[in-house]
C-alpha cells in the first residue's frame, strides 16, 4: 500500500541474522511443502470449485460494500467463501460473505492500522500492523499474540505471506523482511524470536518514508520469495537464507510502478498496481527468475485497489481509494472480477 500518514516506532531492536536453531525452520525449502500450505491453510488456495459452484458464483455480487469510513487495504479469503479485510483506520477486521455481500466486524481494532493479512489453516489471521504485527483468532476475534518487528525508524510493516514454517512480513521503509518462525504444530513464537533478514544484492533502498518493499509471495518452485518494490517498480526474487535479491526479468513489460499486492496461482503471478487501477498478469519461470507478460486486467469499479485474493474463478480486490480524502462516511467496497 501507499501509507497515507507515516509514523515511526520506538520498538526494540531485533537480530539482523537468523538465529541458528531457527534458520532451517524458516526456509521455503520446496514446492511440495509450500504447496501443502497453500492448499491446507492459505486463503488464496480457495480456487478449486466444482462446475456447479462456478455457475453459482455468477450470481454472487460483483461489489461488496464495506462500512462507511472503513478504509480497507489487505484481503484474505478462507474458511469457506469468506473474505477478511483490515482497516487502515482503527485496525478492525471485517468478514464478508462472498455469496451475499453481507458481513460485519469480527475483531475491534487496537487503534493502529491493519494493512496486509493472511489466514492460515488453523483459523488464525496474521496481520501486518504498520508498527508491528499481531495474530488474531478469526472465529472469536481475540488477539492471540502481538509482535514488535523492529526498533528501526521509520518502519512500516506492510504485507505478510505464510510458508509452512514462518510468517514473512515486508517493511516498506527498511531494507528488510521479518519472519515469525512457527513450530511443527504451528505454535507461535515468543516475542523475542522475531527474525530479521536484511535485503541485499540488486536491492537499492529509497531512503525515508517512501514505499519500497510492498507485496510478497513465493516463487512457483517454493524455493524463494518474491517482493515488489513499489516506488521503482521492480520485482525481486529473494533468497530466504541470505536476503540476496535478484531482479526478475519481465522482458519488455514496463516497471511495476505502484506495485502492491501479489498473488501467485500456479505459475501465474497477479500484480496489483494500485493507482493505475490495474492488475498485470505474468507467467513465471519455475524458479521465479523471469516472467512473460500475459495481459492487464482492469475494471470500471476499481478505485485504487491495493491487494488481491482469489476464490473460484474470481479475484477480489478492496478499493482503498487513496486519491479520496477519507471521512467517517466515505464509502468503500470490494470488487470482484473474473480471472
C-alpha atoms as a PDB file:
ATOM      1  CA  UNK A   1       0.000   0.000   0.000  1.00  0.00           C
ATOM      2  CA  UNK A   2       0.976   3.663  -0.124  1.00  0.00           C
ATOM      3  CA  UNK A   3       0.965   4.807   3.523  1.00  0.00           C
ATOM      4  CA  UNK A   4      -1.193   7.938   3.859  1.00  0.00           C
ATOM      5  CA  UNK A   5       0.103   9.086   7.260  1.00  0.00           C
ATOM      6  CA  UNK A   6       3.529   7.586   8.079  1.00  0.00           C
ATOM      7  CA  UNK A   7       4.613   7.309  11.668  1.00  0.00           C
ATOM      8  CA  UNK A   8       7.665   5.885  13.387  1.00  0.00           C
ATOM      9  CA  UNK A   9       8.132   3.320  16.153  1.00  0.00           C
ATOM     10  CA  UNK A  10      10.469   3.163  19.111  1.00  0.00           C
ATOM     11  CA  UNK A  11      10.364  -0.621  19.377  1.00  0.00           C
ATOM     12  CA  UNK A  12      13.150  -2.981  20.497  1.00  0.00           C
ATOM     13  CA  UNK A  13      15.961  -3.833  18.016  1.00  0.00           C
ATOM     14  CA  UNK A  14      15.884  -7.385  16.597  1.00  0.00           C
ATOM     15  CA  UNK A  15      18.701  -9.624  15.447  1.00  0.00           C
ATOM     16  CA  UNK A  16      19.968  -8.962  11.934  1.00  0.00           C
ATOM     17  CA  UNK A  17      20.728 -12.612  11.285  1.00  0.00           C
ATOM     18  CA  UNK A  18      18.761 -15.824  11.547  1.00  0.00           C
ATOM     19  CA  UNK A  19      19.255 -17.484  14.941  1.00  0.00           C
ATOM     20  CA  UNK A  20      20.905 -20.873  14.390  1.00  0.00           C
ATOM     21  CA  UNK A  21      18.076 -23.009  15.877  1.00  0.00           C
ATOM     22  CA  UNK A  22      15.510 -21.308  13.643  1.00  0.00           C
ATOM     23  CA  UNK A  23      17.418 -20.933  10.368  1.00  0.00           C
ATOM     24  CA  UNK A  24      16.317 -24.247   8.861  1.00  0.00           C
ATOM     25  CA  UNK A  25      12.750 -23.772  10.083  1.00  0.00           C
ATOM     26  CA  UNK A  26      12.307 -20.544   8.153  1.00  0.00           C
ATOM     27  CA  UNK A  27      13.243 -21.720   4.684  1.00  0.00           C
ATOM     28  CA  UNK A  28      10.810 -22.207   1.834  1.00  0.00           C
ATOM     29  CA  UNK A  29      12.530 -25.495   1.068  1.00  0.00           C
ATOM     30  CA  UNK A  30      10.429 -26.884  -1.734  1.00  0.00           C
ATOM     31  CA  UNK A  31       7.323 -26.673  -3.851  1.00  0.00           C
ATOM     32  CA  UNK A  32       5.746 -29.660  -2.117  1.00  0.00           C
ATOM     33  CA  UNK A  33       5.968 -28.077   1.316  1.00  0.00           C
ATOM     34  CA  UNK A  34       4.738 -24.700   0.160  1.00  0.00           C
ATOM     35  CA  UNK A  35       2.021 -26.300  -1.929  1.00  0.00           C
ATOM     36  CA  UNK A  36       0.760 -28.152   1.113  1.00  0.00           C
ATOM     37  CA  UNK A  37       0.475 -24.843   2.926  1.00  0.00           C
ATOM     38  CA  UNK A  38      -1.392 -23.181   0.103  1.00  0.00           C
ATOM     39  CA  UNK A  39      -3.892 -25.980  -0.193  1.00  0.00           C
ATOM     40  CA  UNK A  40      -4.304 -26.569   3.509  1.00  0.00           C
ATOM     41  CA  UNK A  41      -4.243 -23.120   5.041  1.00  0.00           C
ATOM     42  CA  UNK A  42      -3.581 -20.193   2.762  1.00  0.00           C
ATOM     43  CA  UNK A  43      -6.555 -18.012   1.923  1.00  0.00           C
ATOM     44  CA  UNK A  44      -5.553 -17.764  -1.708  1.00  0.00           C
ATOM     45  CA  UNK A  45      -5.863 -21.550  -2.065  1.00  0.00           C
ATOM     46  CA  UNK A  46      -9.641 -21.302  -2.441  1.00  0.00           C
ATOM     47  CA  UNK A  47      -9.518 -21.624  -6.217  1.00  0.00           C
ATOM     48  CA  UNK A  48     -10.758 -25.153  -6.883  1.00  0.00           C
ATOM     49  CA  UNK A  49     -14.532 -25.281  -7.259  1.00  0.00           C
ATOM     50  CA  UNK A  50     -16.947 -27.616  -8.994  1.00  0.00           C
ATOM     51  CA  UNK A  51     -18.653 -26.644 -12.229  1.00  0.00           C
ATOM     52  CA  UNK A  52     -21.883 -26.111 -10.295  1.00  0.00           C
ATOM     53  CA  UNK A  53     -20.124 -23.810  -7.846  1.00  0.00           C
ATOM     54  CA  UNK A  54     -18.621 -21.832 -10.719  1.00  0.00           C
ATOM     55  CA  UNK A  55     -22.078 -21.287 -12.142  1.00  0.00           C
ATOM     56  CA  UNK A  56     -23.346 -20.229  -8.721  1.00  0.00           C
ATOM     57  CA  UNK A  57     -20.551 -17.684  -8.434  1.00  0.00           C
ATOM     58  CA  UNK A  58     -22.023 -15.770 -11.367  1.00  0.00           C
ATOM     59  CA  UNK A  59     -24.974 -14.846  -9.155  1.00  0.00           C
ATOM     60  CA  UNK A  60     -22.738 -13.562  -6.360  1.00  0.00           C
ATOM     61  CA  UNK A  61     -22.347  -9.785  -6.001  1.00  0.00           C
ATOM     62  CA  UNK A  62     -19.612  -8.061  -8.003  1.00  0.00           C
ATOM     63  CA  UNK A  63     -19.422  -5.285  -5.418  1.00  0.00           C
ATOM     64  CA  UNK A  64     -19.319  -5.979  -1.687  1.00  0.00           C
ATOM     65  CA  UNK A  65     -19.961  -2.830   0.386  1.00  0.00           C
ATOM     66  CA  UNK A  66     -17.893  -2.161   3.487  1.00  0.00           C
ATOM     67  CA  UNK A  67     -18.764   0.042   6.465  1.00  0.00           C
ATOM     68  CA  UNK A  68     -18.544   3.784   5.914  1.00  0.00           C
ATOM     69  CA  UNK A  69     -15.092   5.120   6.728  1.00  0.00           C
ATOM     70  CA  UNK A  70     -13.612   1.603   6.990  1.00  0.00           C
ATOM     71  CA  UNK A  71     -10.525   2.304   4.804  1.00  0.00           C
ATOM     72  CA  UNK A  72      -9.638  -1.241   3.653  1.00  0.00           C
ATOM     73  CA  UNK A  73      -6.217  -2.343   2.425  1.00  0.00           C
ATOM     74  CA  UNK A  74      -5.487  -6.053   2.840  1.00  0.00           C
ATOM     75  CA  UNK A  75      -7.713  -9.001   1.921  1.00  0.00           C
ATOM     76  CA  UNK A  76      -7.534 -12.735   2.500  1.00  0.00           C
ATOM     77  CA  UNK A  77     -10.099 -15.465   1.779  1.00  0.00           C
ATOM     78  CA  UNK A  78     -10.701 -18.737   3.596  1.00  0.00           C
ATOM     79  CA  UNK A  79     -12.899 -20.771   5.941  1.00  0.00           C
ATOM     80  CA  UNK A  80     -15.476 -21.095   3.167  1.00  0.00           C
ATOM     81  CA  UNK A  81     -16.440 -18.242   0.859  1.00  0.00           C
ATOM     82  CA  UNK A  82     -15.492 -15.554   3.348  1.00  0.00           C
ATOM     83  CA  UNK A  83     -13.220 -12.560   2.827  1.00  0.00           C
ATOM     84  CA  UNK A  84     -11.388 -10.898   5.698  1.00  0.00           C
ATOM     85  CA  UNK A  85     -10.282  -7.263   5.443  1.00  0.00           C
ATOM     86  CA  UNK A  86      -8.328  -4.960   7.698  1.00  0.00           C
ATOM     87  CA  UNK A  87      -8.959  -1.264   8.362  1.00  0.00           C
ATOM     88  CA  UNK A  88      -6.261   1.356   7.925  1.00  0.00           C
ATOM     89  CA  UNK A  89      -8.245   3.496  10.346  1.00  0.00           C
ATOM     90  CA  UNK A  90      -8.562   1.703  13.675  1.00  0.00           C
ATOM     91  CA  UNK A  91      -7.311  -1.748  12.630  1.00  0.00           C
ATOM     92  CA  UNK A  92     -10.665  -3.547  12.881  1.00  0.00           C
ATOM     93  CA  UNK A  93     -11.113  -6.831  10.990  1.00  0.00           C
ATOM     94  CA  UNK A  94     -14.234  -7.248   8.817  1.00  0.00           C
ATOM     95  CA  UNK A  95     -15.571 -10.562   7.477  1.00  0.00           C
ATOM     96  CA  UNK A  96     -17.751 -10.607   4.349  1.00  0.00           C
ATOM     97  CA  UNK A  97     -19.732 -13.496   2.876  1.00  0.00           C
ATOM     98  CA  UNK A  98     -18.825 -13.640  -0.832  1.00  0.00           C
ATOM     99  CA  UNK A  99     -22.187 -15.236  -1.645  1.00  0.00           C
ATOM    100  CA  UNK A 100     -24.343 -12.437  -0.265  1.00  0.00           C
ATOM    101  CA  UNK A 101     -22.042  -9.487   0.325  1.00  0.00           C
ATOM    102  CA  UNK A 102     -23.173  -9.321   3.934  1.00  0.00           C
ATOM    103  CA  UNK A 103     -20.722  -9.095   6.795  1.00  0.00           C
ATOM    104  CA  UNK A 104     -19.620  -7.478   9.998  1.00  0.00           C
ATOM    105  CA  UNK A 105     -16.717  -6.602  12.277  1.00  0.00           C
ATOM    106  CA  UNK A 106     -15.267  -9.722  13.916  1.00  0.00           C
ATOM    107  CA  UNK A 107     -12.401  -8.058  15.775  1.00  0.00           C
ATOM    108  CA  UNK A 108     -12.392  -4.486  17.048  1.00  0.00           C
ATOM    109  CA  UNK A 109      -9.240  -2.633  16.116  1.00  0.00           C
ATOM    110  CA  UNK A 110      -6.460  -1.852  18.583  1.00  0.00           C
ATOM    111  CA  UNK A 111      -6.330   1.728  17.325  1.00  0.00           C
ATOM    112  CA  UNK A 112      -3.433   1.095  14.949  1.00  0.00           C
ATOM    113  CA  UNK A 113      -3.796   0.210  11.248  1.00  0.00           C
ATOM    114  CA  UNK A 114      -4.255  -3.267   9.833  1.00  0.00           C
ATOM    115  CA  UNK A 115      -2.511  -3.489   6.473  1.00  0.00           C
ATOM    116  CA  UNK A 116      -1.785  -6.848   4.791  1.00  0.00           C
ATOM    117  CA  UNK A 117      -3.238 -10.021   6.292  1.00  0.00           C
ATOM    118  CA  UNK A 118      -3.308 -13.777   5.633  1.00  0.00           C
ATOM    119  CA  UNK A 119      -5.406 -16.610   7.060  1.00  0.00           C
ATOM    120  CA  UNK A 120      -3.860 -19.977   7.907  1.00  0.00           C
ATOM    121  CA  UNK A 121      -5.456 -23.421   8.172  1.00  0.00           C
ATOM    122  CA  UNK A 122      -5.833 -23.063  11.930  1.00  0.00           C
ATOM    123  CA  UNK A 123      -8.182 -20.107  11.617  1.00  0.00           C
ATOM    124  CA  UNK A 124      -5.544 -17.536  12.549  1.00  0.00           C
ATOM    125  CA  UNK A 125      -5.164 -14.183  10.851  1.00  0.00           C
ATOM    126  CA  UNK A 126      -1.604 -12.887  10.592  1.00  0.00           C
ATOM    127  CA  UNK A 127      -1.838  -9.108  10.348  1.00  0.00           C
ATOM    128  CA  UNK A 128       0.819  -6.593   9.308  1.00  0.00           C
ATOM    129  CA  UNK A 129       0.096  -3.714  11.629  1.00  0.00           C
ATOM    130  CA  UNK A 130       2.322  -0.920  10.357  1.00  0.00           C
ATOM    131  CA  UNK A 131       4.415  -0.605  13.530  1.00  0.00           C
ATOM    132  CA  UNK A 132       4.310  -4.333  14.293  1.00  0.00           C
ATOM    133  CA  UNK A 133       2.309  -7.498  13.739  1.00  0.00           C
ATOM    134  CA  UNK A 134      -0.380  -9.448  15.508  1.00  0.00           C
ATOM    135  CA  UNK A 135      -2.178 -12.779  15.211  1.00  0.00           C
ATOM    136  CA  UNK A 136      -5.979 -12.821  15.540  1.00  0.00           C
ATOM    137  CA  UNK A 137      -8.360 -15.748  16.051  1.00  0.00           C
ATOM    138  CA  UNK A 138     -10.708 -15.467  13.047  1.00  0.00           C
ATOM    139  CA  UNK A 139     -13.500 -17.222  14.950  1.00  0.00           C
ATOM    140  CA  UNK A 140     -13.519 -15.175  18.140  1.00  0.00           C
ATOM    141  CA  UNK A 141     -11.644 -12.016  17.116  1.00  0.00           C
ATOM    142  CA  UNK A 142      -9.305 -12.437  20.074  1.00  0.00           C
ATOM    143  CA  UNK A 143      -5.715 -11.246  19.668  1.00  0.00           C
ATOM    144  CA  UNK A 144      -3.538 -14.324  20.204  1.00  0.00           C
ATOM    145  CA  UNK A 145      -0.162 -12.589  20.046  1.00  0.00           C
ATOM    146  CA  UNK A 146       1.444  -9.252  19.215  1.00  0.00           C
ATOM    147  CA  UNK A 147       4.961  -8.650  17.957  1.00  0.00           C
ATOM    148  CA  UNK A 148       7.402  -5.787  17.643  1.00  0.00           C
ATOM    149  CA  UNK A 149       9.189  -6.455  14.345  1.00  0.00           C
ATOM    150  CA  UNK A 150      11.962  -3.863  14.551  1.00  0.00           C
ATOM    151  CA  UNK A 151      13.239  -0.941  16.579  1.00  0.00           C
ATOM    152  CA  UNK A 152      14.438   0.881  13.484  1.00  0.00           C
ATOM    153  CA  UNK A 153      12.651   4.018  12.392  1.00  0.00           C
ATOM    154  CA  UNK A 154      10.892   4.768  10.204  1.00  0.00           C
ATOM    155  CA  UNK A 155       9.157   1.417   9.821  1.00  0.00           C
ATOM    156  CA  UNK A 156       6.032   0.265   8.016  1.00  0.00           C
ATOM    157  CA  UNK A 157       5.024  -3.414   8.274  1.00  0.00           C
ATOM    158  CA  UNK A 158       3.049  -3.634   5.059  1.00  0.00           C
ATOM    159  CA  UNK A 159       2.282  -7.155   3.862  1.00  0.00           C
ATOM    160  CA  UNK A 160       2.562 -10.773   5.018  1.00  0.00           C
ATOM    161  CA  UNK A 161       2.982 -14.182   3.379  1.00  0.00           C
ATOM    162  CA  UNK A 162       2.763 -17.614   5.020  1.00  0.00           C
ATOM    163  CA  UNK A 163       5.063 -20.578   4.416  1.00  0.00           C
ATOM    164  CA  UNK A 164       4.760 -23.889   6.307  1.00  0.00           C
ATOM    165  CA  UNK A 165       7.212 -22.760   8.976  1.00  0.00           C
ATOM    166  CA  UNK A 166       7.102 -18.972   9.027  1.00  0.00           C
ATOM    167  CA  UNK A 167       5.092 -15.822   8.515  1.00  0.00           C
ATOM    168  CA  UNK A 168       7.109 -13.318   6.452  1.00  0.00           C
ATOM    169  CA  UNK A 169       6.475  -9.560   6.666  1.00  0.00           C
ATOM    170  CA  UNK A 170       7.674  -6.718   4.434  1.00  0.00           C
ATOM    171  CA  UNK A 171       8.819  -3.333   5.712  1.00  0.00           C
ATOM    172  CA  UNK A 172       8.201  -0.505   3.259  1.00  0.00           C
ATOM    173  CA  UNK A 173      10.618   1.874   4.982  1.00  0.00           C
ATOM    174  CA  UNK A 174      13.505  -0.505   5.797  1.00  0.00           C
ATOM    175  CA  UNK A 175      15.519  -2.868   3.506  1.00  0.00           C
ATOM    176  CA  UNK A 176      14.449  -5.931   5.455  1.00  0.00           C
ATOM    177  CA  UNK A 177      11.962  -8.758   5.798  1.00  0.00           C
ATOM    178  CA  UNK A 178      10.858 -10.098   9.176  1.00  0.00           C
ATOM    179  CA  UNK A 179       9.911 -13.682   9.942  1.00  0.00           C
ATOM    180  CA  UNK A 180       7.894 -15.225  12.737  1.00  0.00           C
ATOM    181  CA  UNK A 181       9.121 -18.852  12.969  1.00  0.00           C
ATOM    182  CA  UNK A 182       6.321 -21.343  13.539  1.00  0.00           C
ATOM    183  CA  UNK A 183       6.584 -24.620  15.429  1.00  0.00           C
ATOM    184  CA  UNK A 184       5.965 -28.018  13.877  1.00  0.00           C
ATOM    185  CA  UNK A 185       2.351 -27.848  15.025  1.00  0.00           C
ATOM    186  CA  UNK A 186       2.043 -24.192  14.117  1.00  0.00           C
ATOM    187  CA  UNK A 187       2.992 -22.879  17.542  1.00  0.00           C
ATOM    188  CA  UNK A 188       3.503 -19.127  17.587  1.00  0.00           C
ATOM    189  CA  UNK A 189       6.962 -17.851  18.546  1.00  0.00           C
ATOM    190  CA  UNK A 190       7.816 -15.849  21.627  1.00  0.00           C
ATOM    191  CA  UNK A 191       8.109 -12.088  21.285  1.00  0.00           C
ATOM    192  CA  UNK A 192      11.931 -12.231  21.191  1.00  0.00           C
ATOM    193  CA  UNK A 193      12.083 -14.785  18.355  1.00  0.00           C
ATOM    194  CA  UNK A 194      11.378 -12.363  15.502  1.00  0.00           C
ATOM    195  CA  UNK A 195      13.994 -12.834  12.770  1.00  0.00           C
ATOM    196  CA  UNK A 196      15.284 -10.007  10.560  1.00  0.00           C
ATOM    197  CA  UNK A 197      16.517 -10.719   7.023  1.00  0.00           C
ATOM    198  CA  UNK A 198      18.397  -7.778   5.523  1.00  0.00           C
ATOM    199  CA  UNK A 199      17.892  -7.294   1.779  1.00  0.00           C
ATOM    200  CA  UNK A 200      20.972  -7.003  -0.437  1.00  0.00           C
ATOM    201  CA  UNK A 201      22.072  -7.857  -3.973  1.00  0.00           C
ATOM    202  CA  UNK A 202      20.024  -5.955  -6.575  1.00  0.00           C
ATOM    203  CA  UNK A 203      18.013  -4.225  -3.864  1.00  0.00           C
ATOM    204  CA  UNK A 204      18.572  -0.460  -3.642  1.00  0.00           C
ATOM    205  CA  UNK A 205      16.550   1.146  -0.877  1.00  0.00           C
ATOM    206  CA  UNK A 206      14.974   4.543  -1.483  1.00  0.00           C
ATOM    207  CA  UNK A 207      15.543   6.343   1.840  1.00  0.00           C
ATOM    208  CA  UNK A 208      12.926   7.961   4.017  1.00  0.00           C
ATOM    209  CA  UNK A 209       9.205   7.335   4.228  1.00  0.00           C
ATOM    210  CA  UNK A 210       8.912   6.112   0.642  1.00  0.00           C
ATOM    211  CA  UNK A 211       7.192   2.815  -0.174  1.00  0.00           C
ATOM    212  CA  UNK A 212       9.842   0.232  -1.045  1.00  0.00           C
ATOM    213  CA  UNK A 213       9.050  -3.405  -0.215  1.00  0.00           C
ATOM    214  CA  UNK A 214       5.317  -3.995  -0.518  1.00  0.00           C
ATOM    215  CA  UNK A 215       3.557  -7.189  -1.684  1.00  0.00           C
ATOM    216  CA  UNK A 216       5.149 -10.575  -1.006  1.00  0.00           C
ATOM    217  CA  UNK A 217       4.610 -14.143  -2.220  1.00  0.00           C
ATOM    218  CA  UNK A 218       6.752 -17.142  -3.231  1.00  0.00           C
ATOM    219  CA  UNK A 219       8.295 -18.401  -6.461  1.00  0.00           C
ATOM    220  CA  UNK A 220       6.456 -21.240  -8.257  1.00  0.00           C
ATOM    221  CA  UNK A 221       9.051 -23.790  -7.098  1.00  0.00           C
ATOM    222  CA  UNK A 222       8.727 -22.605  -3.499  1.00  0.00           C
ATOM    223  CA  UNK A 223      12.461 -22.065  -3.046  1.00  0.00           C
ATOM    224  CA  UNK A 224      12.477 -18.282  -2.802  1.00  0.00           C
ATOM    225  CA  UNK A 225      10.298 -15.280  -2.059  1.00  0.00           C
ATOM    226  CA  UNK A 226       9.068 -12.586  -4.441  1.00  0.00           C
ATOM    227  CA  UNK A 227       8.785  -8.965  -3.292  1.00  0.00           C
ATOM    228  CA  UNK A 228       7.627  -5.966  -5.327  1.00  0.00           C
ATOM    229  CA  UNK A 229       9.384  -2.641  -4.734  1.00  0.00           C
ATOM    230  CA  UNK A 230       6.623  -0.115  -5.308  1.00  0.00           C
ATOM    231  CA  UNK A 231       8.422   3.175  -5.870  1.00  0.00           C
ATOM    232  CA  UNK A 232      10.781   1.934  -8.585  1.00  0.00           C
ATOM    233  CA  UNK A 233       8.502  -0.826  -9.848  1.00  0.00           C
ATOM    234  CA  UNK A 234      10.960  -3.709  -9.538  1.00  0.00           C
ATOM    235  CA  UNK A 235      10.041  -7.327  -8.814  1.00  0.00           C
ATOM    236  CA  UNK A 236      12.720  -9.080  -6.744  1.00  0.00           C
ATOM    237  CA  UNK A 237      13.466 -12.746  -6.140  1.00  0.00           C
ATOM    238  CA  UNK A 238      14.714 -13.032  -2.546  1.00  0.00           C
ATOM    239  CA  UNK A 239      16.864 -15.849  -1.173  1.00  0.00           C
ATOM    240  CA  UNK A 240      15.282 -16.567   2.252  1.00  0.00           C
ATOM    241  CA  UNK A 241      18.607 -17.861   3.583  1.00  0.00           C
ATOM    242  CA  UNK A 242      20.736 -14.820   2.789  1.00  0.00           C
ATOM    243  CA  UNK A 243      18.471 -11.910   1.833  1.00  0.00           C
ATOM    244  CA  UNK A 244      20.272 -11.553  -1.512  1.00  0.00           C
ATOM    245  CA  UNK A 245      17.825 -10.343  -4.165  1.00  0.00           C
ATOM    246  CA  UNK A 246      17.847 -10.509  -7.943  1.00  0.00           C
ATOM    247  CA  UNK A 247      15.564  -8.522 -10.213  1.00  0.00           C
ATOM    248  CA  UNK A 248      13.084 -10.733 -12.022  1.00  0.00           C
ATOM    249  CA  UNK A 249      13.440 -10.401 -15.795  1.00  0.00           C
ATOM    250  CA  UNK A 250       9.998  -9.393 -17.056  1.00  0.00           C
ATOM    251  CA  UNK A 251      11.095  -8.769 -20.622  1.00  0.00           C
ATOM    252  CA  UNK A 252       9.632  -5.718 -22.310  1.00  0.00           C
ATOM    253  CA  UNK A 253       6.986  -5.208 -19.614  1.00  0.00           C
ATOM    254  CA  UNK A 254       7.212  -1.756 -18.076  1.00  0.00           C
ATOM    255  CA  UNK A 255       8.135  -1.172 -14.432  1.00  0.00           C
ATOM    256  CA  UNK A 256       5.557  -2.255 -11.877  1.00  0.00           C
ATOM    257  CA  UNK A 257       5.220   1.261 -10.512  1.00  0.00           C
ATOM    258  CA  UNK A 258       2.838   1.367  -7.541  1.00  0.00           C
ATOM    259  CA  UNK A 259       3.048  -2.417  -7.398  1.00  0.00           C
ATOM    260  CA  UNK A 260       1.111  -3.539  -4.331  1.00  0.00           C
ATOM    261  CA  UNK A 261      -0.468  -6.910  -3.561  1.00  0.00           C
ATOM    262  CA  UNK A 262       0.910 -10.091  -5.178  1.00  0.00           C
ATOM    263  CA  UNK A 263      -0.988 -13.323  -5.809  1.00  0.00           C
ATOM    264  CA  UNK A 264       0.580 -16.484  -7.231  1.00  0.00           C
ATOM    265  CA  UNK A 265      -1.678 -19.185  -8.676  1.00  0.00           C
ATOM    266  CA  UNK A 266       0.405 -21.968 -10.170  1.00  0.00           C
ATOM    267  CA  UNK A 267       2.955 -20.141 -12.299  1.00  0.00           C
ATOM    268  CA  UNK A 268       0.693 -17.165 -12.934  1.00  0.00           C
ATOM    269  CA  UNK A 269       1.510 -14.050 -10.946  1.00  0.00           C
ATOM    270  CA  UNK A 270      -1.054 -11.276 -10.456  1.00  0.00           C
ATOM    271  CA  UNK A 271       0.467  -7.893  -9.550  1.00  0.00           C
ATOM    272  CA  UNK A 272      -1.888  -5.147  -8.355  1.00  0.00           C
ATOM    273  CA  UNK A 273      -0.806  -1.672  -9.451  1.00  0.00           C
ATOM    274  CA  UNK A 274      -2.937   0.433  -7.189  1.00  0.00           C
ATOM    275  CA  UNK A 275      -3.021   3.935  -8.676  1.00  0.00           C
ATOM    276  CA  UNK A 276      -3.134   2.527 -12.200  1.00  0.00           C
ATOM    277  CA  UNK A 277      -6.358   0.691 -11.260  1.00  0.00           C
ATOM    278  CA  UNK A 278      -4.944  -2.424 -12.886  1.00  0.00           C
ATOM    279  CA  UNK A 279      -3.662  -5.945 -12.356  1.00  0.00           C
ATOM    280  CA  UNK A 280      -0.719  -7.030 -14.515  1.00  0.00           C
ATOM    281  CA  UNK A 281      -0.505 -10.775 -15.152  1.00  0.00           C
ATOM    282  CA  UNK A 282       2.733 -12.714 -15.763  1.00  0.00           C
ATOM    283  CA  UNK A 283       3.633 -16.347 -16.445  1.00  0.00           C
ATOM    284  CA  UNK A 284       6.727 -17.042 -14.363  1.00  0.00           C
ATOM    285  CA  UNK A 285       9.576 -19.476 -14.768  1.00  0.00           C
ATOM    286  CA  UNK A 286       9.511 -22.206 -12.117  1.00  0.00           C
ATOM    287  CA  UNK A 287      12.337 -20.600 -10.157  1.00  0.00           C
ATOM    288  CA  UNK A 288      10.795 -17.136 -10.472  1.00  0.00           C
ATOM    289  CA  UNK A 289      13.846 -15.606 -12.162  1.00  0.00           C
ATOM    290  CA  UNK A 290      11.883 -14.439 -15.214  1.00  0.00           C
ATOM    291  CA  UNK A 291       8.362 -13.922 -16.435  1.00  0.00           C
ATOM    292  CA  UNK A 292       6.343 -13.240 -19.572  1.00  0.00           C
ATOM    293  CA  UNK A 293       3.657 -10.543 -19.591  1.00  0.00           C
ATOM    294  CA  UNK A 294       0.250 -12.060 -20.390  1.00  0.00           C
ATOM    295  CA  UNK A 295      -2.061  -9.092 -20.066  1.00  0.00           C
ATOM    296  CA  UNK A 296      -3.678  -6.469 -17.882  1.00  0.00           C
ATOM    297  CA  UNK A 297      -6.983  -6.705 -16.014  1.00  0.00           C
ATOM    298  CA  UNK A 298      -8.955  -3.545 -15.298  1.00  0.00           C
ATOM    299  CA  UNK A 299     -12.476  -2.749 -14.210  1.00  0.00           C
ATOM    300  CA  UNK A 300     -14.557   0.414 -14.198  1.00  0.00           C
ATOM    301  CA  UNK A 301     -15.298  -0.145 -10.494  1.00  0.00           C
ATOM    302  CA  UNK A 302     -11.635  -0.044  -9.475  1.00  0.00           C
ATOM    303  CA  UNK A 303     -10.766   2.943  -7.278  1.00  0.00           C
ATOM    304  CA  UNK A 304      -7.150   2.402  -6.210  1.00  0.00           C
ATOM    305  CA  UNK A 305      -7.351  -1.333  -5.395  1.00  0.00           C
ATOM    306  CA  UNK A 306      -4.472  -2.489  -3.242  1.00  0.00           C
ATOM    307  CA  UNK A 307      -4.415  -6.242  -2.691  1.00  0.00           C
ATOM    308  CA  UNK A 308      -5.966  -9.329  -4.242  1.00  0.00           C
ATOM    309  CA  UNK A 309      -7.264 -12.741  -3.190  1.00  0.00           C
ATOM    310  CA  UNK A 310      -8.888 -15.498  -5.236  1.00  0.00           C
ATOM    311  CA  UNK A 311     -11.933 -17.684  -4.838  1.00  0.00           C
ATOM    312  CA  UNK A 312     -13.066 -19.975  -7.645  1.00  0.00           C
ATOM    313  CA  UNK A 313     -12.809 -18.131 -10.929  1.00  0.00           C
ATOM    314  CA  UNK A 314     -12.877 -14.699  -9.340  1.00  0.00           C
ATOM    315  CA  UNK A 315     -10.381 -12.225  -7.995  1.00  0.00           C
ATOM    316  CA  UNK A 316     -11.412  -9.963  -5.126  1.00  0.00           C
ATOM    317  CA  UNK A 317      -9.800  -6.559  -4.553  1.00  0.00           C
ATOM    318  CA  UNK A 318     -10.554  -3.896  -1.925  1.00  0.00           C
ATOM    319  CA  UNK A 319     -10.780  -0.309  -3.142  1.00  0.00           C
ATOM    320  CA  UNK A 320      -8.533   1.706  -0.826  1.00  0.00           C
ATOM    321  CA  UNK A 321      -9.452   4.992  -2.571  1.00  0.00           C
ATOM    322  CA  UNK A 322      -6.156   6.681  -1.699  1.00  0.00           C
ATOM    323  CA  UNK A 323      -6.988   9.592  -4.006  1.00  0.00           C
ATOM    324  CA  UNK A 324     -10.113  10.357  -1.943  1.00  0.00           C
ATOM    325  CA  UNK A 325      -9.792  12.172   1.382  1.00  0.00           C
ATOM    326  CA  UNK A 326     -11.126   9.731   3.985  1.00  0.00           C
ATOM    327  CA  UNK A 327     -14.019  10.760   6.213  1.00  0.00           C
ATOM    328  CA  UNK A 328     -16.187   8.740   8.623  1.00  0.00           C
ATOM    329  CA  UNK A 329     -18.768   8.480   5.841  1.00  0.00           C
ATOM    330  CA  UNK A 330     -16.520   7.697   2.854  1.00  0.00           C
ATOM    331  CA  UNK A 331     -17.833   4.634   1.016  1.00  0.00           C
ATOM    332  CA  UNK A 332     -15.637   1.599   0.330  1.00  0.00           C
ATOM    333  CA  UNK A 333     -16.171  -1.723  -1.399  1.00  0.00           C
ATOM    334  CA  UNK A 334     -14.546  -4.957  -2.552  1.00  0.00           C
ATOM    335  CA  UNK A 335     -14.614  -5.508  -6.326  1.00  0.00           C
ATOM    336  CA  UNK A 336     -14.901  -8.982  -7.875  1.00  0.00           C
ATOM    337  CA  UNK A 337     -13.546  -9.626 -11.373  1.00  0.00           C
ATOM    338  CA  UNK A 338     -13.169 -12.757 -13.480  1.00  0.00           C
ATOM    339  CA  UNK A 339      -9.623 -14.078 -13.694  1.00  0.00           C
END
